[in-house]
């Protein structure tokens, strides 16, 4: 089985706020590299905090969210923390 096409390419930096959302989801976005991939926004397994790095579930492209701190802050505000 072949690995996803972009799995070993360099990580790209993106602004999550500028990505096109997938299916009205607050966090899921269409991959900016391939036509059919999705970025899910990963979370820390212990703290459930949004993680800075993510990967497309289709092409394997690694991304870094430039605006992760804003995303985390907005989530805290929404949840009243």
Protein backbone atom coordinates (compact mmCIF):
# COMPACT_ATOMS: atom_id res chain seq x y z
CA UNK A 1 0.00 0.00 0.00
CA UNK A 2 1.37 3.41 -0.98
CA UNK A 3 1.59 6.20 1.60
CA UNK A 4 -0.57 9.30 0.98
CA UNK A 5 0.93 11.45 -1.79
CA UNK A 6 1.92 14.44 0.40
CA UNK A 7 2.84 12.58 3.59
CA UNK A 8 6.57 13.31 3.33
CA UNK A 9 6.33 16.85 1.93
CA UNK A 10 7.29 19.79 4.15
CA UNK A 11 4.73 21.14 6.61
CA UNK A 12 2.86 24.18 5.33
CA UNK A 13 1.68 27.02 7.56
CA UNK A 14 -1.91 28.17 7.16
CA UNK A 15 -4.45 30.37 8.90
CA UNK A 16 -7.33 28.19 9.95
CA UNK A 17 -9.63 31.21 9.71
CA UNK A 18 -8.93 31.50 5.97
CA UNK A 19 -9.64 27.85 5.12
CA UNK A 20 -12.95 26.74 3.64
CA UNK A 21 -14.98 24.84 6.24
CA UNK A 22 -16.12 21.32 5.59
CA UNK A 23 -19.86 20.74 5.97
CA UNK A 24 -20.64 23.67 8.29
CA UNK A 25 -18.15 22.44 10.87
CA UNK A 26 -16.49 24.94 13.17
CA UNK A 27 -13.13 23.18 12.95
CA UNK A 28 -13.13 20.73 10.01
CA UNK A 29 -11.75 22.34 6.85
CA UNK A 30 -11.12 21.37 3.27
CA UNK A 31 -7.45 20.63 2.62
CA UNK A 32 -5.78 23.59 0.88
CA UNK A 33 -3.54 21.20 -1.10
CA UNK A 34 -5.71 18.38 -2.46
CA UNK A 35 -9.22 18.30 -3.89
CA UNK A 36 -10.90 15.87 -1.51
CA UNK A 37 -9.06 15.99 1.80
CA UNK A 38 -10.14 17.23 5.18
CA UNK A 39 -8.25 18.78 8.08
CA UNK A 40 -9.93 17.76 11.34
CA UNK A 41 -7.96 19.91 13.85
CA UNK A 42 -6.37 17.46 16.23
CA UNK A 43 -6.66 17.68 20.03
CA UNK A 44 -4.35 16.72 22.85
CA UNK A 45 -5.57 13.39 24.24
CA UNK A 46 -5.13 14.44 27.88
CA UNK A 47 -6.08 18.12 27.94
CA UNK A 48 -8.36 18.13 24.86
CA UNK A 49 -6.64 21.40 23.81
CA UNK A 50 -6.52 22.17 20.09
CA UNK A 51 -3.15 21.24 18.59
CA UNK A 52 -1.02 23.46 16.40
CA UNK A 53 -0.16 20.72 13.90
CA UNK A 54 -2.59 18.71 11.78
CA UNK A 55 -2.60 16.40 8.76
CA UNK A 56 -4.98 15.93 5.83
CA UNK A 57 -6.82 12.63 6.14
CA UNK A 58 -6.61 12.09 2.37
CA UNK A 59 -3.29 13.34 0.97
CA UNK A 60 -1.27 13.33 4.21
CA UNK A 61 -0.17 16.98 3.92
CA UNK A 62 1.02 18.27 7.30
CA UNK A 63 -0.12 21.75 8.29
CA UNK A 64 0.67 24.15 11.09
CA UNK A 65 -2.06 26.55 12.16
CA UNK A 66 -0.57 30.02 12.39
CA UNK A 67 -3.63 31.28 14.30
CA UNK A 68 -3.83 28.43 16.85
CA UNK A 69 -3.71 30.77 19.84
CA UNK A 70 -6.71 32.70 18.53
CA UNK A 71 -8.56 29.41 17.95
CA UNK A 72 -7.84 28.28 21.51
CA UNK A 73 -8.93 31.63 22.95
CA UNK A 74 -12.17 31.64 20.96
CA UNK A 75 -12.95 28.14 22.18
CA UNK A 76 -12.42 29.19 25.81
CA UNK A 77 -14.74 32.15 25.33
CA UNK A 78 -17.42 29.98 23.70
CA UNK A 79 -17.26 27.45 26.52
CA UNK A 80 -17.24 30.16 29.18
CA UNK A 81 -13.85 29.25 30.62
